[in-house]
Amino acid sequence: MVRGCRAAVLGDPDEIAERVAMMVRCGQIVAVDGSAILIAVESVCVRGDSPGAIRIATAVRQRLSADAIELKPFI
């Protein structure tokens, strides 16, 4: 799916934070068709050019911290 397709890019910070938390905790994402895709998460990137990028990054950080997931900088 390309970024220009409907539902390809999420915009709600809380929904994005929930999805990131599930990726990190459970090692899976939910595809557009509802199926689960197993993944190994090593890092999370919030695109700086996305509308609301600061709100999204803040929501993701708060959610991961609330779930006691350790955040580390890239070295």
Protein backbone atom coordinates (compact mmCIF):
# COMPACT_ATOMS: atom_id res chain seq x y z
CA MET A 1 0.00 0.00 0.00
CA VAL A 2 1.39 3.40 -0.87
CA ARG A 3 1.17 6.51 1.28
CA GLY A 4 -1.40 8.06 -1.06
CA CYS A 5 -3.92 5.25 -0.60
CA ARG A 6 -6.78 5.61 1.86
CA ALA A 7 -5.83 4.33 5.33
CA ALA A 8 -2.15 4.02 4.36
CA VAL A 9 -1.05 6.71 6.80
CA LEU A 10 -2.47 7.06 10.30
CA GLY A 11 -2.93 10.48 11.87
CA ASP A 12 -4.46 9.95 15.31
CA PRO A 13 -1.63 10.09 17.89
CA ASP A 14 -3.42 7.77 20.35
CA GLU A 15 -4.12 5.15 17.67
CA ILE A 16 -0.52 5.31 16.50
CA ALA A 17 0.78 5.00 20.07
CA GLU A 18 -1.43 1.94 20.64
CA ARG A 19 -0.17 0.28 17.46
CA VAL A 20 3.47 1.00 18.33
CA ALA A 21 2.96 -0.40 21.84
CA MET A 22 1.46 -3.58 20.35
CA MET A 23 4.37 -3.86 17.91
CA VAL A 24 6.88 -3.62 20.74
CA ARG A 25 5.01 -5.75 23.34
CA CYS A 26 3.59 -8.46 21.08
CA GLY A 27 5.85 -8.41 18.03
CA GLN A 28 2.98 -8.02 15.59
CA ILE A 29 1.07 -5.49 13.56
CA VAL A 30 -2.44 -5.68 12.15
CA ALA A 31 -2.68 -5.36 8.38
CA VAL A 32 -5.42 -3.41 6.59
CA ASP A 33 -7.26 -6.69 5.97
CA GLY A 34 -7.20 -7.46 9.71
CA SER A 35 -4.61 -10.22 9.57
CA ALA A 36 -1.72 -10.25 12.06
CA ILE A 37 1.82 -9.93 10.75
CA LEU A 38 4.67 -11.01 13.02
CA ILE A 39 7.61 -8.61 13.18
CA ALA A 40 10.79 -8.05 15.17
CA VAL A 41 10.94 -4.43 16.37
CA GLU A 42 14.37 -2.89 16.80
CA SER A 43 13.46 0.78 16.47
CA VAL A 44 10.54 3.12 15.94
CA CYS A 45 10.62 6.09 13.57
CA VAL A 46 8.13 8.95 13.46
CA ARG A 47 8.45 10.86 10.20
CA GLY A 48 9.17 14.49 10.95
CA ASP A 49 7.27 15.63 7.86
CA SER A 50 4.05 13.93 8.96
CA PRO A 51 1.28 16.30 10.05
CA GLY A 52 1.24 16.30 13.85
CA ALA A 53 4.67 14.63 14.12
CA ILE A 54 5.43 16.20 17.50
CA ARG A 55 2.07 15.13 18.94
CA ILE A 56 2.58 11.63 17.53
CA ALA A 57 6.11 11.30 18.93
CA THR A 58 4.92 12.56 22.32
CA ALA A 59 2.00 10.11 22.42
CA VAL A 60 4.24 7.19 21.44
CA ARG A 61 6.84 8.09 24.06
CA GLN A 62 4.22 8.50 26.79
CA ARG A 63 2.55 5.19 25.89
CA LEU A 64 5.79 3.22 25.83
CA SER A 65 6.89 4.79 29.12
CA ALA A 66 3.50 3.98 30.68
CA ASP A 67 3.99 0.36 29.60
CA ALA A 68 7.44 0.36 31.30
CA ILE A 69 9.19 -0.14 27.96
CA GLU A 70 12.76 1.11 28.18
CA LEU A 71 13.59 3.84 25.69
CA LYS A 72 17.18 4.13 24.47
CA PRO A 73 18.91 6.55 22.10
CA PHE A 74 20.70 5.28 19.01
CA ILE A 75 24.41 4.99 19.64
